[in-house]
Amino acid sequence: SQIAGLDQAMRNAEDGVGMVNTGEGALQEVHAM
């Protein structure tokens, strides 16, 4: 049960990285403008 939770938490962290990267990439272009 704990291993399954850890595996999902890792996927959550990966999704979080994708989310903040998306936001940061958008603001990179805002900075350029």
PDB file of all heavy atoms in Angstrom:
ATOM      1  N   SER A   1       0.835  -1.203   0.000  1.00  0.00           N
ATOM      2  CA  SER A   1       0.000   0.000   0.000  1.00  0.00           C
ATOM      3  C   SER A   1       0.868   1.251   0.000  1.00  0.00           C
ATOM      4  O   SER A   1       0.611   2.203  -0.739  1.00  0.00           O
ATOM      5  CB  SER A   1      -0.915  -0.012   1.223  1.00  0.00           C
ATOM      6  OG  SER A   1      -1.681   1.180   1.291  1.00  0.00           O
ATOM      7  N   GLN A   2       1.925   1.236   0.809  1.00  0.00           N
ATOM      8  CA  GLN A   2       2.808   2.395   0.883  1.00  0.00           C
ATOM      9  C   GLN A   2       3.571   2.574  -0.428  1.00  0.00           C
ATOM     10  O   GLN A   2       3.769   3.710  -0.888  1.00  0.00           O
ATOM     11  CB  GLN A   2       3.778   2.237   2.046  1.00  0.00           C
ATOM     12  CG  GLN A   2       4.570   3.507   2.350  1.00  0.00           C
ATOM     13  CD  GLN A   2       5.333   3.415   3.656  1.00  0.00           C
ATOM     14  OE1 GLN A   2       5.260   2.421   4.359  1.00  0.00           O
ATOM     15  NE2 GLN A   2       6.072   4.467   3.970  1.00  0.00           N
ATOM     16  N   ILE A   3       3.996   1.475  -1.029  1.00  0.00           N
ATOM     17  CA  ILE A   3       4.727   1.560  -2.300  1.00  0.00           C
ATOM     18  C   ILE A   3       3.837   2.146  -3.390  1.00  0.00           C
ATOM     19  O   ILE A   3       4.272   2.984  -4.188  1.00  0.00           O
ATOM     20  CB  ILE A   3       5.248   0.160  -2.717  1.00  0.00           C
ATOM     21  CG1 ILE A   3       6.368  -0.290  -1.760  1.00  0.00           C
ATOM     22  CG2 ILE A   3       5.766   0.168  -4.148  1.00  0.00           C
ATOM     23  CD1 ILE A   3       6.718  -1.759  -1.896  1.00  0.00           C
ATOM     24  N   ALA A   4       2.565   1.712  -3.430  1.00  0.00           N
ATOM     25  CA  ALA A   4       1.630   2.259  -4.417  1.00  0.00           C
ATOM     26  C   ALA A   4       1.457   3.761  -4.215  1.00  0.00           C
ATOM     27  O   ALA A   4       1.396   4.535  -5.175  1.00  0.00           O
ATOM     28  CB  ALA A   4       0.283   1.546  -4.318  1.00  0.00           C
ATOM     29  N   GLY A   5       1.376   4.180  -2.939  1.00  0.00           N
ATOM     30  CA  GLY A   5       1.265   5.607  -2.653  1.00  0.00           C
ATOM     31  C   GLY A   5       2.496   6.376  -3.074  1.00  0.00           C
ATOM     32  O   GLY A   5       2.402   7.488  -3.616  1.00  0.00           O
ATOM     33  N   LEU A   6       3.669   5.809  -2.845  1.00  0.00           N
ATOM     34  CA  LEU A   6       4.921   6.459  -3.247  1.00  0.00           C
ATOM     35  C   LEU A   6       5.007   6.588  -4.761  1.00  0.00           C
ATOM     36  O   LEU A   6       5.439   7.621  -5.284  1.00  0.00           O
ATOM     37  CB  LEU A   6       6.115   5.658  -2.713  1.00  0.00           C
ATOM     38  CG  LEU A   6       6.347   5.702  -1.198  1.00  0.00           C
ATOM     39  CD1 LEU A   6       7.347   4.626  -0.785  1.00  0.00           C
ATOM     40  CD2 LEU A   6       6.838   7.086  -0.769  1.00  0.00           C
ATOM     41  N   ASP A   7       4.597   5.528  -5.467  1.00  0.00           N
ATOM     42  CA  ASP A   7       4.627   5.574  -6.940  1.00  0.00           C
ATOM     43  C   ASP A   7       3.713   6.664  -7.476  1.00  0.00           C
ATOM     44  O   ASP A   7       4.071   7.408  -8.399  1.00  0.00           O
ATOM     45  CB  ASP A   7       4.220   4.215  -7.517  1.00  0.00           C
ATOM     46  CG  ASP A   7       5.276   3.147  -7.295  1.00  0.00           C
ATOM     47  OD1 ASP A   7       6.439   3.504  -7.030  1.00  0.00           O
ATOM     48  OD2 ASP A   7       4.939   1.945  -7.395  1.00  0.00           O
ATOM     49  N   GLN A   8       2.508   6.782  -6.889  1.00  0.00           N
ATOM     50  CA  GLN A   8       1.595   7.824  -7.347  1.00  0.00           C
ATOM     51  C   GLN A   8       2.110   9.204  -6.981  1.00  0.00           C
ATOM     52  O   GLN A   8       1.965  10.163  -7.760  1.00  0.00           O
ATOM     53  CB  GLN A   8       0.202   7.609  -6.738  1.00  0.00           C
ATOM     54  CG  GLN A   8      -0.843   8.607  -7.234  1.00  0.00           C
ATOM     55  CD  GLN A   8      -0.993   8.599  -8.742  1.00  0.00           C
ATOM     56  OE1 GLN A   8      -1.239   7.557  -9.343  1.00  0.00           O
ATOM     57  NE2 GLN A   8      -0.840   9.756  -9.377  1.00  0.00           N
ATOM     58  N   ALA A   9       2.718   9.320  -5.813  1.00  0.00           N
ATOM     59  CA  ALA A   9       3.282  10.614  -5.409  1.00  0.00           C
ATOM     60  C   ALA A   9       4.387  11.041  -6.368  1.00  0.00           C
ATOM     61  O   ALA A   9       4.518  12.235  -6.680  1.00  0.00           O
ATOM     62  CB  ALA A   9       3.820  10.534  -3.982  1.00  0.00           C
ATOM     63  N   MET A  10       5.165  10.075  -6.871  1.00  0.00           N
ATOM     64  CA  MET A  10       6.197  10.411  -7.862  1.00  0.00           C
ATOM     65  C   MET A  10       5.563  10.927  -9.148  1.00  0.00           C
ATOM     66  O   MET A  10       6.045  11.893  -9.744  1.00  0.00           O
ATOM     67  CB  MET A  10       7.072   9.185  -8.158  1.00  0.00           C
ATOM     68  CG  MET A  10       8.138   8.919  -7.109  1.00  0.00           C
ATOM     69  SD  MET A  10       9.339   7.673  -7.636  1.00  0.00           S
ATOM     70  CE  MET A  10       8.364   6.183  -7.487  1.00  0.00           C
ATOM     71  N   ARG A  11       4.457  10.290  -9.566  1.00  0.00           N
ATOM     72  CA  ARG A  11       3.765  10.771 -10.758  1.00  0.00           C
ATOM     73  C   ARG A  11       3.179  12.165 -10.516  1.00  0.00           C
ATOM     74  O   ARG A  11       3.179  13.015 -11.413  1.00  0.00           O
ATOM     75  CB  ARG A  11       2.679   9.780 -11.170  1.00  0.00           C
ATOM     76  CG  ARG A  11       3.222   8.465 -11.721  1.00  0.00           C
ATOM     77  CD  ARG A  11       2.131   7.617 -12.353  1.00  0.00           C
ATOM     78  NE  ARG A  11       1.232   7.055 -11.361  1.00  0.00           N
ATOM     79  CZ  ARG A  11       1.430   5.890 -10.731  1.00  0.00           C
ATOM     80  NH1 ARG A  11       2.514   5.181 -10.981  1.00  0.00           N
ATOM     81  NH2 ARG A  11       0.538   5.445  -9.868  1.00  0.00           N
ATOM     82  N   ASN A  12       2.687  12.392  -9.286  1.00  0.00           N
ATOM     83  CA  ASN A  12       2.179  13.723  -8.946  1.00  0.00           C
ATOM     84  C   ASN A  12       3.280  14.769  -9.047  1.00  0.00           C
ATOM     85  O   ASN A  12       3.058  15.883  -9.541  1.00  0.00           O
ATOM     86  CB  ASN A  12       1.608  13.719  -7.523  1.00  0.00           C
ATOM     87  CG  ASN A  12       0.299  12.957  -7.415  1.00  0.00           C
ATOM     88  OD1 ASN A  12      -0.238  12.489  -8.416  1.00  0.00           O
ATOM     89  ND2 ASN A  12      -0.209  12.825  -6.209  1.00  0.00           N
ATOM     90  N   ALA A  13       4.472  14.411  -8.552  1.00  0.00           N
ATOM     91  CA  ALA A  13       5.599  15.345  -8.608  1.00  0.00           C
ATOM     92  C   ALA A  13       5.982  15.640 -10.055  1.00  0.00           C
ATOM     93  O   ALA A  13       6.290  16.787 -10.414  1.00  0.00           O
ATOM     94  CB  ALA A  13       6.795  14.777  -7.839  1.00  0.00           C
ATOM     95  N   GLU A  14       5.946  14.597 -10.890  1.00  0.00           N
ATOM     96  CA  GLU A  14       6.261  14.801 -12.312  1.00  0.00           C
ATOM     97  C   GLU A  14       5.230  15.716 -12.967  1.00  0.00           C
ATOM     98  O   GLU A  14       5.581  16.592 -13.771  1.00  0.00           O
ATOM     99  CB  GLU A  14       6.301  13.450 -13.020  1.00  0.00           C
ATOM    100  CG  GLU A  14       7.481  12.578 -12.610  1.00  0.00           C
ATOM    101  CD  GLU A  14       7.365  11.160 -13.116  1.00  0.00           C
ATOM    102  OE1 GLU A  14       6.321  10.842 -13.740  1.00  0.00           O
ATOM    103  OE2 GLU A  14       8.292  10.363 -12.895  1.00  0.00           O
ATOM    104  N   ASP A  15       3.955  15.519 -12.627  1.00  0.00           N
ATOM    105  CA  ASP A  15       2.913  16.399 -13.156  1.00  0.00           C
ATOM    106  C   ASP A  15       3.110  17.829 -12.658  1.00  0.00           C
ATOM    107  O   ASP A  15       2.878  18.791 -13.400  1.00  0.00           O
ATOM    108  CB  ASP A  15       1.526  15.897 -12.740  1.00  0.00           C
ATOM    109  CG  ASP A  15       1.146  14.603 -13.444  1.00  0.00           C
ATOM    110  OD1 ASP A  15       1.758  14.296 -14.478  1.00  0.00           O
ATOM    111  OD2 ASP A  15       0.241  13.903 -12.958  1.00  0.00           O
ATOM    112  N   GLY A  16       3.526  17.957 -11.404  1.00  0.00           N
ATOM    113  CA  GLY A  16       3.781  19.285 -10.858  1.00  0.00           C
ATOM    114  C   GLY A  16       4.900  19.993 -11.584  1.00  0.00           C
ATOM    115  O   GLY A  16       4.814  21.196 -11.868  1.00  0.00           O
ATOM    116  N   VAL A  17       5.958  19.235 -11.901  1.00  0.00           N
ATOM    117  CA  VAL A  17       7.074  19.825 -12.668  1.00  0.00           C
ATOM    118  C   VAL A  17       6.574  20.285 -14.038  1.00  0.00           C
ATOM    119  O   VAL A  17       6.913  21.371 -14.507  1.00  0.00           O
ATOM    120  CB  VAL A  17       8.223  18.803 -12.823  1.00  0.00           C
ATOM    121  CG1 VAL A  17       9.262  19.309 -13.819  1.00  0.00           C
ATOM    122  CG2 VAL A  17       8.880  18.553 -11.469  1.00  0.00           C
ATOM    123  N   GLY A  18       5.749  19.446 -14.671  1.00  0.00           N
ATOM    124  CA  GLY A  18       5.191  19.845 -15.964  1.00  0.00           C
ATOM    125  C   GLY A  18       4.354  21.105 -15.868  1.00  0.00           C
ATOM    126  O   GLY A  18       4.401  21.973 -16.745  1.00  0.00           O
ATOM    127  N   MET A  19       3.604  21.229 -14.785  1.00  0.00           N
ATOM    128  CA  MET A  19       2.739  22.391 -14.597  1.00  0.00           C
ATOM    129  C   MET A  19       3.549  23.669 -14.411  1.00  0.00           C
ATOM    130  O   MET A  19       3.297  24.681 -15.071  1.00  0.00           O
ATOM    131  CB  MET A  19       1.826  22.157 -13.400  1.00  0.00           C
ATOM    132  CG  MET A  19       0.810  23.253 -13.171  1.00  0.00           C
ATOM    133  SD  MET A  19      -0.362  22.788 -11.856  1.00  0.00           S
ATOM    134  CE  MET A  19      -1.440  24.205 -11.898  1.00  0.00           C
ATOM    135  N   VAL A  20       4.533  23.624 -13.506  1.00  0.00           N
ATOM    136  CA  VAL A  20       5.316  24.840 -13.260  1.00  0.00           C
ATOM    137  C   VAL A  20       6.180  25.183 -14.467  1.00  0.00           C
ATOM    138  O   VAL A  20       6.427  26.368 -14.744  1.00  0.00           O
ATOM    139  CB  VAL A  20       6.173  24.707 -11.983  1.00  0.00           C
ATOM    140  CG1 VAL A  20       5.299  24.550 -10.758  1.00  0.00           C
ATOM    141  CG2 VAL A  20       7.167  23.577 -12.071  1.00  0.00           C
ATOM    142  N   ASN A  21       6.630  24.166 -15.203  1.00  0.00           N
ATOM    143  CA  ASN A  21       7.393  24.442 -16.429  1.00  0.00           C
ATOM    144  C   ASN A  21       6.527  25.144 -17.468  1.00  0.00           C
ATOM    145  O   ASN A  21       7.001  26.025 -18.192  1.00  0.00           O
ATOM    146  CB  ASN A  21       7.949  23.149 -17.012  1.00  0.00           C
ATOM    147  CG  ASN A  21       9.201  22.674 -16.298  1.00  0.00           C
ATOM    148  OD1 ASN A  21       9.830  23.446 -15.575  1.00  0.00           O
ATOM    149  ND2 ASN A  21       9.567  21.430 -16.493  1.00  0.00           N
ATOM    150  N   THR A  22       5.258  24.730 -17.541  1.00  0.00           N
ATOM    151  CA  THR A  22       4.334  25.377 -18.475  1.00  0.00           C
ATOM    152  C   THR A  22       4.148  26.845 -18.116  1.00  0.00           C
ATOM    153  O   THR A  22       4.200  27.727 -18.981  1.00  0.00           O
ATOM    154  CB  THR A  22       2.971  24.660 -18.460  1.00  0.00           C
ATOM    155  OG1 THR A  22       3.154  23.295 -18.850  1.00  0.00           O
ATOM    156  CG2 THR A  22       1.998  25.320 -19.421  1.00  0.00           C
ATOM    157  N   GLY A  23       3.933  27.107 -16.834  1.00  0.00           N
ATOM    158  CA  GLY A  23       3.763  28.496 -16.399  1.00  0.00           C
ATOM    159  C   GLY A  23       5.021  29.314 -16.598  1.00  0.00           C
ATOM    160  O   GLY A  23       4.964  30.462 -17.060  1.00  0.00           O
ATOM    161  N   GLU A  24       6.149  28.726 -16.251  1.00  0.00           N
ATOM    162  CA  GLU A  24       7.414  29.462 -16.385  1.00  0.00           C
ATOM    163  C   GLU A  24       7.737  29.741 -17.843  1.00  0.00           C
ATOM    164  O   GLU A  24       8.232  30.808 -18.202  1.00  0.00           O
ATOM    165  CB  GLU A  24       8.534  28.645 -15.729  1.00  0.00           C
ATOM    166  CG  GLU A  24       9.771  29.439 -15.385  1.00  0.00           C
ATOM    167  CD  GLU A  24      10.737  29.608 -16.544  1.00  0.00           C
ATOM    168  OE1 GLU A  24      10.768  28.702 -17.407  1.00  0.00           O
ATOM    169  OE2 GLU A  24      11.456  30.619 -16.598  1.00  0.00           O
ATOM    170  N   GLY A  25       7.412  28.791 -18.726  1.00  0.00           N
ATOM    171  CA  GLY A  25       7.653  29.000 -20.151  1.00  0.00           C
ATOM    172  C   GLY A  25       6.810  30.127 -20.713  1.00  0.00           C
ATOM    173  O   GLY A  25       7.270  30.919 -21.544  1.00  0.00           O
ATOM    174  N   ALA A  26       5.560  30.218 -20.242  1.00  0.00           N
ATOM    175  CA  ALA A  26       4.688  31.303 -20.691  1.00  0.00           C
ATOM    176  C   ALA A  26       5.231  32.654 -20.236  1.00  0.00           C
ATOM    177  O   ALA A  26       5.260  33.629 -20.999  1.00  0.00           O
ATOM    178  CB  ALA A  26       3.273  31.091 -20.153  1.00  0.00           C
ATOM    179  N   LEU A  27       5.689  32.707 -18.979  1.00  0.00           N
ATOM    180  CA  LEU A  27       6.207  33.970 -18.457  1.00  0.00           C
ATOM    181  C   LEU A  27       7.543  34.346 -19.090  1.00  0.00           C
ATOM    182  O   LEU A  27       7.908  35.526 -19.116  1.00  0.00           O
ATOM    183  CB  LEU A  27       6.350  33.877 -16.931  1.00  0.00           C
ATOM    184  CG  LEU A  27       5.042  33.773 -16.155  1.00  0.00           C
ATOM    185  CD1 LEU A  27       5.310  33.792 -14.663  1.00  0.00           C
ATOM    186  CD2 LEU A  27       4.090  34.914 -16.529  1.00  0.00           C
ATOM    187  N   GLN A  28       8.256  33.364 -19.592  1.00  0.00           N
ATOM    188  CA  GLN A  28       9.493  33.676 -20.318  1.00  0.00           C
ATOM    189  C   GLN A  28       9.191  34.541 -21.542  1.00  0.00           C
ATOM    190  O   GLN A  28       9.900  35.504 -21.833  1.00  0.00           O
ATOM    191  CB  GLN A  28      10.190  32.377 -20.727  1.00  0.00           C
ATOM    192  CG  GLN A  28      11.541  32.588 -21.418  1.00  0.00           C
ATOM    193  CD  GLN A  28      12.223  31.274 -21.736  1.00  0.00           C
ATOM    194  OE1 GLN A  28      11.630  30.203 -21.607  1.00  0.00           O
ATOM    195  NE2 GLN A  28      13.465  31.341 -22.151  1.00  0.00           N
ATOM    196  N   GLU A  29       8.103  34.206 -22.236  1.00  0.00           N
ATOM    197  CA  GLU A  29       7.713  34.998 -23.399  1.00  0.00           C
ATOM    198  C   GLU A  29       7.159  36.348 -22.960  1.00  0.00           C
ATOM    199  O   GLU A  29       7.383  37.365 -23.643  1.00  0.00           O
ATOM    200  CB  GLU A  29       6.674  34.234 -24.214  1.00  0.00           C
ATOM    201  CG  GLU A  29       6.372  34.856 -25.580  1.00  0.00           C
ATOM    202  CD  GLU A  29       7.612  34.975 -26.448  1.00  0.00           C
ATOM    203  OE1 GLU A  29       8.502  34.108 -26.349  1.00  0.00           O
ATOM    204  OE2 GLU A  29       7.690  35.958 -27.232  1.00  0.00           O
ATOM    205  N   VAL A  30       6.444  36.392 -21.830  1.00  0.00           N
ATOM    206  CA  VAL A  30       5.961  37.674 -21.307  1.00  0.00           C
ATOM    207  C   VAL A  30       7.142  38.574 -20.977  1.00  0.00           C
ATOM    208  O   VAL A  30       7.122  39.780 -21.259  1.00  0.00           O
ATOM    209  CB  VAL A  30       5.084  37.447 -20.059  1.00  0.00           C
ATOM    210  CG1 VAL A  30       4.751  38.778 -19.376  1.00  0.00           C
ATOM    211  CG2 VAL A  30       3.792  36.730 -20.446  1.00  0.00           C
ATOM    212  N   HIS A  31       8.168  37.988 -20.405  1.00  0.00           N
ATOM    213  CA  HIS A  31       9.379  38.761 -20.116  1.00  0.00           C
ATOM    214  C   HIS A  31       9.964  39.361 -21.399  1.00  0.00           C
ATOM    215  O   HIS A  31      10.349  40.540 -21.432  1.00  0.00           O
ATOM    216  CB  HIS A  31      10.431  37.855 -19.462  1.00  0.00           C
ATOM    217  CG  HIS A  31      10.713  38.214 -18.044  1.00  0.00           C
ATOM    218  ND1 HIS A  31      11.294  37.352 -17.146  1.00  0.00           N
ATOM    219  CD2 HIS A  31      10.509  39.367 -17.348  1.00  0.00           C
ATOM    220  CE1 HIS A  31      11.415  37.936 -15.974  1.00  0.00           C
ATOM    221  NE2 HIS A  31      10.956  39.154 -16.065  1.00  0.00           N
ATOM    222  N   ALA A  32      10.033  38.558 -22.448  1.00  0.00           N
ATOM    223  CA  ALA A  32      10.588  39.042 -23.718  1.00  0.00           C
ATOM    224  C   ALA A  32       9.760  40.205 -24.254  1.00  0.00           C
ATOM    225  O   ALA A  32      10.313  41.195 -24.772  1.00  0.00           O
ATOM    226  CB  ALA A  32      10.629  37.894 -24.734  1.00  0.00           C
ATOM    227  N   MET A  33       8.448  40.114 -24.125  1.00  0.00           N
ATOM    228  CA  MET A  33       7.593  41.197 -24.615  1.00  0.00           C
ATOM    229  C   MET A  33       7.719  42.454 -23.755  1.00  0.00           C
ATOM    230  O   MET A  33       7.665  43.582 -24.260  1.00  0.00           O
ATOM    231  CB  MET A  33       6.139  40.720 -24.667  1.00  0.00           C
ATOM    232  CG  MET A  33       5.877  39.723 -25.792  1.00  0.00           C
ATOM    233  SD  MET A  33       4.127  39.288 -25.976  1.00  0.00           S
ATOM    234  CE  MET A  33       3.902  38.239 -24.559  1.00  0.00           C
TER     235      MET A  33
END
